Each structure stands twice: as structure tokens, then as C-alpha cells.
Amino acid sequence: MVLPMQLMQCLASSCLTSLLTVAIASAQPLKSNPTPADYVERNGGGASIVPAGKLVIDGYGMSCGQWATVLDPNLDDYAASYPQFVILNPRVIGNVATPVKLWIYSHECGHLLAGPDENKADCFAVQRGKRMGWLTTQALDQICAFISAAHADRMHLSGPNRCTLMRQCYRDSSQNQKR
């Protein structure tokens, strides 16, 4: 009988206050230009920061200039980017082939280094992959298969149209390397 009474007293006082404080804090929006630490703090648990230059994806060292990477198993997509960092969902990204993982990361990095345009981010990722040696024509085929079902939206071309542009970027980077 003592336990239920203690529980009721707790709920009526400090526990309820604590629960309300947590609920209100988690309802607060993320800053407009958060740091990786801000993002992890507001994330709701499970996210971690990989310092710039320390990320390894399937044996490939990956970096995005001075920017860290946040690993967030609760992200509702494969990856995303904020102005100061890249976010990867390790649970979801673990289900795709290595070249697709590297392209996804490089695409998001492209937003930080080349701007918000999706086509530029795609091309950035392709040129980077070609330059680093992990993007071959077969790997590009895997990436194109991965995005093939994607429909166009206000930010992205359809998967097949994105693939056409990425193949052009790949050809252009090959021609630039011959010069």
C-alpha cells in the first residue's frame, strides 16, 4: 500500500513537474542554424557525433571538409544535411550497397560544399566518387537502380532524370581527367 501512495504523491508534485518540463523542452523547435551538439541534444536519444574527418563507411574514410557527421538512428530518411553537418541514419543506410552509401553521404556533403541545389549535390557526389575511386560505371548503375523509382518533387527531378544528369557528370569528370 505504501508504494501506490508514494507514486501518487510523486505524480502530484515533482515527478509531474519533471515530466512537463521534459515534454515542453522536447516540443521546442531546433535552432535555425544548429550545431551538431544542438541537434543531438534535441534529437530524443540515440544520436552521436562523428568528428570531421573521422567517418568510415564500409572501409572508406569519408569527410565533408570541416563538418562533422551526426549518426541518427531516428532520422526519417537515409540522410540529410544542416548548414554545419551531415546526418546519416545508420539503421537505414546499412541496407544499401556500399557505392550507394558513399553517394548518399557525398550528396549530403555536396549541399554543404556546393549549395542547396539537388542537381549540383548529385553531380558533386558523382565527381567526388570518380575522383576518390569508389564510383565506377557499375557503381553508378547501382545508384541509378536505387533512385529509379523516385518521383519528381519540388526539390528533386525524377530518379531516371537524376540518373541521366549524374551519368553526364560522370562522363564530364572522365573527360576532365584526360585533360
N, C-alpha and C. Protein backbone atom coordinates (compact mmCIF):
# COMPACT_ATOMS: atom_id res chain seq x y z
N MET A 1 0.81 -1.19 0.00
CA MET A 1 0.00 0.00 0.00
C MET A 1 0.85 1.26 0.00
N VAL A 2 2.05 1.21 0.54
CA VAL A 2 2.91 2.39 0.60
C VAL A 2 3.35 2.81 -0.80
N LEU A 3 3.66 1.85 -1.65
CA LEU A 3 4.14 2.17 -2.99
C LEU A 3 3.12 2.97 -3.80
N PRO A 4 1.85 2.57 -3.88
CA PRO A 4 0.90 3.39 -4.63
C PRO A 4 0.76 4.80 -4.08
N MET A 5 0.80 4.97 -2.77
CA MET A 5 0.68 6.30 -2.18
C MET A 5 1.88 7.15 -2.55
N GLN A 6 3.07 6.57 -2.50
CA GLN A 6 4.28 7.31 -2.88
C GLN A 6 4.20 7.70 -4.36
N LEU A 7 3.73 6.80 -5.18
CA LEU A 7 3.61 7.08 -6.60
C LEU A 7 2.63 8.22 -6.84
N MET A 8 1.51 8.22 -6.13
CA MET A 8 0.53 9.29 -6.30
C MET A 8 1.10 10.62 -5.84
N GLN A 9 1.83 10.62 -4.73
CA GLN A 9 2.44 11.86 -4.24
C GLN A 9 3.46 12.37 -5.25
N CYS A 10 4.24 11.44 -5.80
CA CYS A 10 5.25 11.81 -6.78
C CYS A 10 4.60 12.41 -8.01
N LEU A 11 3.56 11.79 -8.51
CA LEU A 11 2.88 12.30 -9.70
C LEU A 11 2.24 13.65 -9.44
N ALA A 12 1.78 13.85 -8.22
CA ALA A 12 1.11 15.11 -7.89
C ALA A 12 2.11 16.24 -7.67
N SER A 13 3.38 15.92 -7.55
CA SER A 13 4.33 17.00 -7.26
C SER A 13 5.49 17.02 -8.25
N SER A 14 6.67 16.66 -7.78
CA SER A 14 7.88 16.85 -8.57
C SER A 14 7.95 15.99 -9.83
N CYS A 15 7.47 14.77 -9.80
CA CYS A 15 7.53 13.93 -10.99
C CYS A 15 6.71 14.53 -12.12
N LEU A 16 5.53 15.02 -11.79
CA LEU A 16 4.69 15.63 -12.80
C LEU A 16 5.36 16.88 -13.36
N THR A 17 5.96 17.67 -12.49
CA THR A 17 6.69 18.86 -12.92
C THR A 17 7.84 18.46 -13.83
N SER A 18 8.57 17.43 -13.47
CA SER A 18 9.68 16.96 -14.30
C SER A 18 9.19 16.48 -15.66
N LEU A 19 8.11 15.72 -15.65
CA LEU A 19 7.57 15.22 -16.92
C LEU A 19 7.10 16.37 -17.81
N LEU A 20 6.46 17.35 -17.23
CA LEU A 20 6.02 18.51 -18.00
C LEU A 20 7.20 19.30 -18.55
N THR A 21 8.24 19.45 -17.74
CA THR A 21 9.43 20.16 -18.18
C THR A 21 10.06 19.46 -19.38
N VAL A 22 10.17 18.13 -19.33
CA VAL A 22 10.73 17.36 -20.44
C VAL A 22 9.84 17.49 -21.67
N ALA A 23 8.54 17.39 -21.51
CA ALA A 23 7.62 17.49 -22.64
C ALA A 23 7.69 18.86 -23.29
N ILE A 24 7.75 19.91 -22.49
CA ILE A 24 7.84 21.26 -23.04
C ILE A 24 9.18 21.46 -23.74
N ALA A 25 10.26 20.98 -23.13
CA ALA A 25 11.58 21.13 -23.73
C ALA A 25 11.66 20.41 -25.07
N SER A 26 11.10 19.22 -25.15
CA SER A 26 11.19 18.47 -26.40
C SER A 26 10.25 19.03 -27.47
N ALA A 27 9.30 19.86 -27.08
CA ALA A 27 8.41 20.48 -28.06
C ALA A 27 9.04 21.73 -28.67
N GLN A 28 10.11 22.23 -28.06
CA GLN A 28 10.77 23.42 -28.58
C GLN A 28 11.42 23.10 -29.92
N PRO A 29 11.30 23.98 -30.90
CA PRO A 29 11.92 23.72 -32.20
C PRO A 29 13.44 23.82 -32.13
N LEU A 30 14.08 23.15 -33.06
CA LEU A 30 15.53 23.20 -33.18
C LEU A 30 15.90 24.59 -33.69
N LYS A 31 17.03 25.11 -33.24
CA LYS A 31 17.51 26.41 -33.72
C LYS A 31 17.57 26.42 -35.24
N SER A 32 17.54 27.60 -35.81
CA SER A 32 17.57 27.69 -37.27
C SER A 32 18.92 27.29 -37.86
N ASN A 33 19.98 27.42 -37.13
CA ASN A 33 21.30 27.02 -37.60
C ASN A 33 22.00 26.21 -36.50
N PRO A 34 21.50 25.00 -36.22
CA PRO A 34 22.02 24.25 -35.08
C PRO A 34 23.42 23.71 -35.32
N THR A 35 24.13 23.52 -34.23
CA THR A 35 25.40 22.80 -34.28
C THR A 35 25.08 21.31 -34.17
N PRO A 36 26.04 20.45 -34.45
CA PRO A 36 25.79 19.02 -34.23
C PRO A 36 25.37 18.72 -32.79
N ALA A 37 25.99 19.40 -31.83
CA ALA A 37 25.63 19.19 -30.42
C ALA A 37 24.19 19.61 -30.15
N ASP A 38 23.75 20.72 -30.73
CA ASP A 38 22.35 21.15 -30.58
C ASP A 38 21.41 20.08 -31.11
N TYR A 39 21.73 19.57 -32.28
CA TYR A 39 20.88 18.55 -32.91
C TYR A 39 20.80 17.31 -32.03
N VAL A 40 21.94 16.83 -31.56
CA VAL A 40 21.96 15.61 -30.73
C VAL A 40 21.18 15.84 -29.44
N GLU A 41 21.33 17.00 -28.84
CA GLU A 41 20.61 17.32 -27.60
C GLU A 41 19.09 17.29 -27.80
N ARG A 42 18.62 17.76 -28.93
CA ARG A 42 17.18 17.84 -29.20
C ARG A 42 16.62 16.59 -29.85
N ASN A 43 17.47 15.67 -30.20
CA ASN A 43 17.12 14.52 -31.02
C ASN A 43 16.19 13.51 -30.35
N GLY A 44 16.25 13.36 -29.08
CA GLY A 44 15.40 12.39 -28.41
C GLY A 44 16.11 11.09 -28.10
N GLY A 45 17.40 11.03 -28.30
CA GLY A 45 18.17 9.86 -27.90
C GLY A 45 18.70 9.04 -29.06
N GLY A 46 19.88 8.52 -28.85
CA GLY A 46 20.47 7.60 -29.81
C GLY A 46 21.41 8.21 -30.82
N ALA A 47 21.40 9.53 -30.98
CA ALA A 47 22.27 10.17 -31.96
C ALA A 47 23.66 10.39 -31.38
N SER A 48 24.65 10.37 -32.26
CA SER A 48 26.03 10.63 -31.83
C SER A 48 26.75 11.43 -32.91
N ILE A 49 27.82 12.08 -32.50
CA ILE A 49 28.59 12.93 -33.40
C ILE A 49 29.89 12.23 -33.78
N VAL A 50 30.19 12.21 -35.08
CA VAL A 50 31.47 11.74 -35.58
C VAL A 50 32.23 12.99 -36.01
N PRO A 51 33.37 13.26 -35.40
CA PRO A 51 34.11 14.49 -35.75
C PRO A 51 34.51 14.51 -37.23
N ALA A 52 34.72 15.70 -37.73
CA ALA A 52 35.14 15.88 -39.13
C ALA A 52 36.37 15.02 -39.42
N GLY A 53 36.32 14.33 -40.54
CA GLY A 53 37.45 13.51 -40.98
C GLY A 53 37.55 12.14 -40.33
N LYS A 54 36.63 11.79 -39.45
CA LYS A 54 36.71 10.52 -38.72
C LYS A 54 35.68 9.48 -39.17
N LEU A 55 34.82 9.84 -40.11
CA LEU A 55 33.78 8.91 -40.55
C LEU A 55 34.37 7.85 -41.47
N VAL A 56 34.01 6.60 -41.22
CA VAL A 56 34.40 5.48 -42.08
C VAL A 56 33.13 4.75 -42.48
N ILE A 57 32.93 4.60 -43.80
CA ILE A 57 31.77 3.89 -44.32
C ILE A 57 32.30 2.69 -45.11
N ASP A 58 32.06 1.51 -44.61
CA ASP A 58 32.49 0.27 -45.26
C ASP A 58 33.96 0.32 -45.68
N GLY A 59 34.80 0.84 -44.79
CA GLY A 59 36.24 0.88 -45.03
C GLY A 59 36.73 2.12 -45.76
N TYR A 60 35.84 2.97 -46.20
CA TYR A 60 36.22 4.20 -46.89
C TYR A 60 36.18 5.37 -45.92
N GLY A 61 37.31 6.05 -45.76
CA GLY A 61 37.34 7.26 -44.96
C GLY A 61 36.62 8.37 -45.70
N MET A 62 35.64 8.95 -45.07
CA MET A 62 34.83 9.99 -45.71
C MET A 62 34.89 11.26 -44.86
N SER A 63 34.95 12.39 -45.53
CA SER A 63 34.89 13.65 -44.80
C SER A 63 34.14 14.66 -45.65
N CYS A 64 33.71 15.70 -44.98
CA CYS A 64 32.99 16.79 -45.63
C CYS A 64 33.63 18.10 -45.16
N GLY A 65 34.86 18.30 -45.56
CA GLY A 65 35.57 19.50 -45.14
C GLY A 65 35.68 19.55 -43.63
N GLN A 66 35.32 20.68 -43.06
CA GLN A 66 35.42 20.88 -41.61
C GLN A 66 34.21 20.38 -40.85
N TRP A 67 33.23 19.80 -41.57
CA TRP A 67 31.94 19.50 -40.96
C TRP A 67 31.86 18.09 -40.39
N ALA A 68 31.28 17.99 -39.22
CA ALA A 68 31.07 16.71 -38.55
C ALA A 68 29.89 15.97 -39.19
N THR A 69 29.73 14.72 -38.79
CA THR A 69 28.58 13.91 -39.19
C THR A 69 27.85 13.48 -37.94
N VAL A 70 26.53 13.57 -37.97
CA VAL A 70 25.70 13.06 -36.88
C VAL A 70 25.09 11.75 -37.33
N LEU A 71 25.24 10.72 -36.54
CA LEU A 71 24.59 9.43 -36.78
C LEU A 71 23.31 9.43 -35.97
N ASP A 72 22.18 9.38 -36.67
CA ASP A 72 20.87 9.49 -36.01
C ASP A 72 19.98 8.33 -36.44
N PRO A 73 19.85 7.30 -35.59
CA PRO A 73 19.02 6.15 -35.95
C PRO A 73 17.53 6.46 -35.99
N ASN A 74 17.14 7.67 -35.58
CA ASN A 74 15.73 8.07 -35.61
C ASN A 74 15.38 8.97 -36.80
N LEU A 75 16.35 9.32 -37.61
CA LEU A 75 16.08 10.15 -38.78
C LEU A 75 15.11 9.42 -39.69
N ASP A 76 14.18 10.14 -40.27
CA ASP A 76 13.14 9.50 -41.10
C ASP A 76 13.54 9.37 -42.57
N ASP A 77 14.83 9.34 -42.84
CA ASP A 77 15.34 9.19 -44.20
C ASP A 77 16.73 8.56 -44.10
N TYR A 78 17.35 8.33 -45.25
CA TYR A 78 18.71 7.79 -45.27
C TYR A 78 19.69 8.81 -44.71
N ALA A 79 19.51 10.07 -45.10
CA ALA A 79 20.45 11.12 -44.72
C ALA A 79 19.80 12.48 -44.90
N ALA A 80 20.46 13.48 -44.37
CA ALA A 80 20.03 14.87 -44.50
C ALA A 80 21.23 15.75 -44.22
N SER A 81 21.06 17.04 -44.40
CA SER A 81 22.14 17.95 -44.03
C SER A 81 21.57 19.23 -43.45
N TYR A 82 22.34 19.80 -42.55
CA TYR A 82 22.10 21.12 -41.99
C TYR A 82 23.31 21.96 -42.44
N PRO A 83 23.26 23.26 -42.27
CA PRO A 83 24.39 24.07 -42.74
C PRO A 83 25.75 23.73 -42.12
N GLN A 84 25.76 23.05 -40.98
CA GLN A 84 27.04 22.76 -40.33
C GLN A 84 27.36 21.27 -40.18
N PHE A 85 26.54 20.38 -40.72
CA PHE A 85 26.82 18.96 -40.57
C PHE A 85 25.93 18.12 -41.46
N VAL A 86 26.39 16.87 -41.66
CA VAL A 86 25.64 15.86 -42.40
C VAL A 86 25.02 14.93 -41.37
N ILE A 87 23.85 14.41 -41.64
CA ILE A 87 23.19 13.43 -40.77
C ILE A 87 23.01 12.15 -41.57
N LEU A 88 23.38 11.02 -40.98
CA LEU A 88 23.15 9.71 -41.58
C LEU A 88 22.32 8.87 -40.62
N ASN A 89 21.39 8.09 -41.17
CA ASN A 89 20.65 7.13 -40.36
C ASN A 89 21.35 5.79 -40.55
N PRO A 90 22.14 5.35 -39.56
CA PRO A 90 22.90 4.10 -39.72
C PRO A 90 22.02 2.86 -39.88
N ARG A 91 20.83 2.88 -39.32
CA ARG A 91 19.93 1.73 -39.46
C ARG A 91 19.46 1.56 -40.90
N VAL A 92 19.11 2.66 -41.54
CA VAL A 92 18.55 2.62 -42.89
C VAL A 92 19.66 2.51 -43.94
N ILE A 93 20.70 3.29 -43.77
CA ILE A 93 21.76 3.32 -44.77
C ILE A 93 22.53 1.99 -44.80
N GLY A 94 22.48 1.26 -43.72
CA GLY A 94 23.14 -0.04 -43.67
C GLY A 94 22.53 -1.06 -44.61
N ASN A 95 21.35 -0.78 -45.14
CA ASN A 95 20.65 -1.73 -46.01
C ASN A 95 20.94 -1.56 -47.49
N VAL A 96 21.81 -0.63 -47.85
CA VAL A 96 22.11 -0.40 -49.27
C VAL A 96 23.57 -0.73 -49.57
N ALA A 97 23.87 -0.90 -50.85
CA ALA A 97 25.22 -1.25 -51.30
C ALA A 97 26.21 -0.12 -50.96
N THR A 98 27.45 -0.49 -50.82
CA THR A 98 28.49 0.48 -50.46
C THR A 98 28.52 1.71 -51.37
N PRO A 99 28.51 1.55 -52.70
CA PRO A 99 28.54 2.76 -53.53
C PRO A 99 27.33 3.68 -53.28
N VAL A 100 26.20 3.11 -52.98
CA VAL A 100 25.01 3.91 -52.70
C VAL A 100 25.21 4.67 -51.38
N LYS A 101 25.75 4.01 -50.37
CA LYS A 101 26.03 4.68 -49.09
C LYS A 101 26.97 5.87 -49.30
N LEU A 102 28.04 5.62 -50.05
CA LEU A 102 29.04 6.67 -50.28
C LEU A 102 28.45 7.83 -51.08
N TRP A 103 27.60 7.49 -52.05
CA TRP A 103 26.94 8.53 -52.85
C TRP A 103 25.97 9.34 -51.98
N ILE A 104 25.19 8.67 -51.14
CA ILE A 104 24.26 9.37 -50.26
C ILE A 104 25.02 10.35 -49.37
N TYR A 105 26.09 9.88 -48.74
CA TYR A 105 26.87 10.77 -47.88
C TYR A 105 27.44 11.93 -48.69
N SER A 106 28.01 11.62 -49.85
CA SER A 106 28.62 12.66 -50.67
C SER A 106 27.58 13.65 -51.21
N HIS A 107 26.39 13.16 -51.51
CA HIS A 107 25.31 14.05 -51.94
C HIS A 107 25.00 15.07 -50.84
N GLU A 108 24.84 14.58 -49.61
CA GLU A 108 24.53 15.49 -48.50
C GLU A 108 25.70 16.44 -48.23
N CYS A 109 26.91 15.94 -48.34
CA CYS A 109 28.09 16.80 -48.22
C CYS A 109 28.08 17.85 -49.32
N GLY A 110 27.64 17.47 -50.50
CA GLY A 110 27.55 18.42 -51.60
C GLY A 110 26.68 19.61 -51.28
N HIS A 111 25.64 19.40 -50.48
CA HIS A 111 24.81 20.53 -50.07
C HIS A 111 25.61 21.51 -49.22
N LEU A 112 26.50 21.00 -48.39
CA LEU A 112 27.31 21.88 -47.55
C LEU A 112 28.39 22.61 -48.36
N LEU A 113 28.97 21.90 -49.32
CA LEU A 113 30.11 22.47 -50.05
C LEU A 113 29.76 23.09 -51.39
N ALA A 114 28.62 22.69 -51.98
CA ALA A 114 28.25 23.21 -53.31
C ALA A 114 26.91 23.93 -53.32
N GLY A 115 26.16 23.87 -52.23
CA GLY A 115 24.90 24.61 -52.16
C GLY A 115 23.67 23.72 -52.11
N PRO A 116 22.50 24.35 -52.02
CA PRO A 116 21.26 23.61 -51.81
C PRO A 116 20.68 22.92 -53.04
N ASP A 117 21.16 23.25 -54.22
CA ASP A 117 20.61 22.68 -55.45
C ASP A 117 20.84 21.16 -55.50
N GLU A 118 19.75 20.40 -55.67
CA GLU A 118 19.82 18.94 -55.66
C GLU A 118 20.66 18.38 -56.82
N ASN A 119 20.52 18.98 -58.00
CA ASN A 119 21.29 18.50 -59.14
C ASN A 119 22.78 18.74 -58.95
N LYS A 120 23.14 19.89 -58.36
CA LYS A 120 24.55 20.16 -58.07
C LYS A 120 25.08 19.19 -57.02
N ALA A 121 24.25 18.87 -56.02
CA ALA A 121 24.68 17.92 -54.99
C ALA A 121 24.89 16.53 -55.60
N ASP A 122 24.00 16.13 -56.51
CA ASP A 122 24.18 14.85 -57.20
C ASP A 122 25.48 14.83 -57.98
N CYS A 123 25.72 15.88 -58.75
CA CYS A 123 26.92 15.96 -59.57
C CYS A 123 28.17 16.02 -58.69
N PHE A 124 28.11 16.78 -57.60
CA PHE A 124 29.22 16.83 -56.65
C PHE A 124 29.56 15.43 -56.17
N ALA A 125 28.53 14.66 -55.80
CA ALA A 125 28.75 13.30 -55.29
C ALA A 125 29.38 12.41 -56.35
N VAL A 126 28.90 12.51 -57.57
CA VAL A 126 29.43 11.69 -58.67
C VAL A 126 30.89 12.06 -58.95
N GLN A 127 31.17 13.34 -59.05
CA GLN A 127 32.54 13.77 -59.33
C GLN A 127 33.48 13.38 -58.20
N ARG A 128 33.02 13.50 -56.97
CA ARG A 128 33.84 13.11 -55.82
C ARG A 128 34.11 11.61 -55.86
N GLY A 129 33.07 10.82 -56.11
CA GLY A 129 33.24 9.37 -56.16
C GLY A 129 34.20 8.94 -57.25
N LYS A 130 34.09 9.56 -58.39
CA LYS A 130 35.01 9.27 -59.51
C LYS A 130 36.44 9.61 -59.11
N ARG A 131 36.61 10.79 -58.54
CA ARG A 131 37.94 11.25 -58.12
C ARG A 131 38.53 10.36 -57.03
N MET A 132 37.70 9.91 -56.09
CA MET A 132 38.18 9.08 -54.98
C MET A 132 38.34 7.61 -55.37
N GLY A 133 37.77 7.22 -56.50
CA GLY A 133 37.95 5.86 -56.99
C GLY A 133 36.89 4.86 -56.59
N TRP A 134 35.88 5.29 -55.86
CA TRP A 134 34.84 4.33 -55.46
C TRP A 134 33.66 4.33 -56.42
N LEU A 135 33.60 5.28 -57.34
CA LEU A 135 32.48 5.32 -58.27
C LEU A 135 32.94 4.87 -59.66
N THR A 136 32.50 3.70 -60.03
CA THR A 136 32.74 3.14 -61.36
C THR A 136 31.42 3.19 -62.12
N THR A 137 31.44 2.80 -63.37
CA THR A 137 30.17 2.77 -64.12
C THR A 137 29.21 1.76 -63.50
N GLN A 138 29.75 0.64 -62.99
CA GLN A 138 28.88 -0.35 -62.34
C GLN A 138 28.29 0.20 -61.04
N ALA A 139 29.09 0.95 -60.30
CA ALA A 139 28.58 1.57 -59.06
C ALA A 139 27.51 2.62 -59.38
N LEU A 140 27.72 3.36 -60.46
CA LEU A 140 26.72 4.34 -60.88
C LEU A 140 25.42 3.64 -61.28
N ASP A 141 25.54 2.47 -61.90
CA ASP A 141 24.35 1.68 -62.21
C ASP A 141 23.59 1.31 -60.93
N GLN A 142 24.32 0.96 -59.86
CA GLN A 142 23.68 0.62 -58.58
C GLN A 142 22.95 1.84 -58.01
N ILE A 143 23.57 3.00 -58.10
CA ILE A 143 22.95 4.23 -57.59
C ILE A 143 21.70 4.55 -58.40
N CYS A 144 21.80 4.42 -59.72
CA CYS A 144 20.65 4.70 -60.57
C CYS A 144 19.51 3.72 -60.28
N ALA A 145 19.83 2.46 -60.03
CA ALA A 145 18.79 1.49 -59.67
C ALA A 145 18.14 1.88 -58.35
N PHE A 146 18.94 2.36 -57.41
CA PHE A 146 18.45 2.78 -56.10
C PHE A 146 17.44 3.93 -56.21
N ILE A 147 17.71 4.90 -57.08
CA ILE A 147 16.83 6.06 -57.18
C ILE A 147 15.79 5.94 -58.30
N SER A 148 15.80 4.85 -59.03
CA SER A 148 14.97 4.74 -60.24
C SER A 148 13.47 4.93 -59.99
N ALA A 149 12.97 4.53 -58.85
CA ALA A 149 11.54 4.64 -58.58
C ALA A 149 11.12 5.99 -58.01
N ALA A 150 12.10 6.85 -57.75
CA ALA A 150 11.79 8.15 -57.14
C ALA A 150 11.02 9.05 -58.10
N HIS A 151 9.95 9.61 -57.58
CA HIS A 151 9.15 10.55 -58.36
C HIS A 151 9.69 11.97 -58.17
N ALA A 152 9.48 12.81 -59.15
CA ALA A 152 9.88 14.20 -59.04
C ALA A 152 9.07 14.87 -57.93
N ASP A 153 9.70 15.80 -57.25
CA ASP A 153 9.01 16.64 -56.28
C ASP A 153 9.50 18.07 -56.47
N ARG A 154 9.17 18.95 -55.57
CA ARG A 154 9.54 20.35 -55.79
C ARG A 154 11.04 20.59 -55.69
N MET A 155 11.78 19.65 -55.11
CA MET A 155 13.23 19.80 -54.96
C MET A 155 14.02 18.89 -55.91
N HIS A 156 13.48 17.73 -56.23
CA HIS A 156 14.21 16.72 -56.99
C HIS A 156 13.57 16.43 -58.33
N LEU A 157 14.40 16.10 -59.30
CA LEU A 157 13.91 15.53 -60.54
C LEU A 157 13.50 14.09 -60.26
N SER A 158 12.84 13.45 -61.19
CA SER A 158 12.54 12.03 -61.02
C SER A 158 13.85 11.24 -60.98
N GLY A 159 13.81 10.05 -60.43
CA GLY A 159 15.00 9.21 -60.36
C GLY A 159 15.68 9.02 -61.71
N PRO A 160 14.94 8.62 -62.76
CA PRO A 160 15.58 8.45 -64.07
C PRO A 160 16.21 9.74 -64.61
N ASN A 161 15.57 10.88 -64.39
CA ASN A 161 16.16 12.15 -64.84
C ASN A 161 17.40 12.52 -64.04
N ARG A 162 17.37 12.25 -62.75
CA ARG A 162 18.57 12.48 -61.94
C ARG A 162 19.70 11.59 -62.43
N CYS A 163 19.38 10.36 -62.75
CA CYS A 163 20.39 9.42 -63.23
C CYS A 163 21.01 9.92 -64.54
N THR A 164 20.19 10.42 -65.44
CA THR A 164 20.70 10.95 -66.71
C THR A 164 21.71 12.07 -66.45
N LEU A 165 21.38 12.99 -65.56
CA LEU A 165 22.30 14.08 -65.23
C LEU A 165 23.57 13.56 -64.55
N MET A 166 23.42 12.57 -63.66
CA MET A 166 24.60 12.03 -62.99
C MET A 166 25.52 11.31 -63.98
N ARG A 167 24.95 10.61 -64.94
CA ARG A 167 25.78 9.96 -65.96
C ARG A 167 26.54 11.02 -66.78
N GLN A 168 25.89 12.16 -67.04
CA GLN A 168 26.57 13.24 -67.75
C GLN A 168 27.72 13.80 -66.90
N CYS A 169 27.48 13.98 -65.61
CA CYS A 169 28.54 14.44 -64.71
C CYS A 169 29.69 13.45 -64.68
N TYR A 170 29.37 12.17 -64.69
CA TYR A 170 30.40 11.12 -64.70
C TYR A 170 31.23 11.23 -65.98
N ARG A 171 30.57 11.36 -67.12
CA ARG A 171 31.28 11.49 -68.40
C ARG A 171 32.13 12.75 -68.40
N ASP A 172 31.56 13.86 -67.92
CA ASP A 172 32.29 15.12 -67.89
C ASP A 172 33.53 15.02 -67.00
N SER A 173 33.40 14.35 -65.86
CA SER A 173 34.56 14.22 -64.96
C SER A 173 35.61 13.32 -65.60
N SER A 174 35.19 12.33 -66.38
CA SER A 174 36.16 11.47 -67.08
C SER A 174 36.91 12.28 -68.12
N GLN A 175 36.20 13.13 -68.84
CA GLN A 175 36.84 13.96 -69.87
C GLN A 175 37.79 14.98 -69.22
N ASN A 176 37.41 15.52 -68.09
CA ASN A 176 38.28 16.48 -67.39
C ASN A 176 39.54 15.82 -66.88
N GLN A 177 39.47 14.56 -66.48
CA GLN A 177 40.65 13.85 -66.00
C GLN A 177 41.63 13.56 -67.13
N LYS A 178 41.14 13.46 -68.37
CA LYS A 178 42.00 13.18 -69.51
C LYS A 178 42.80 14.41 -69.92
N ARG A 179 42.34 15.59 -69.55
CA ARG A 179 43.00 16.84 -69.94
C ARG A 179 44.24 17.10 -69.15
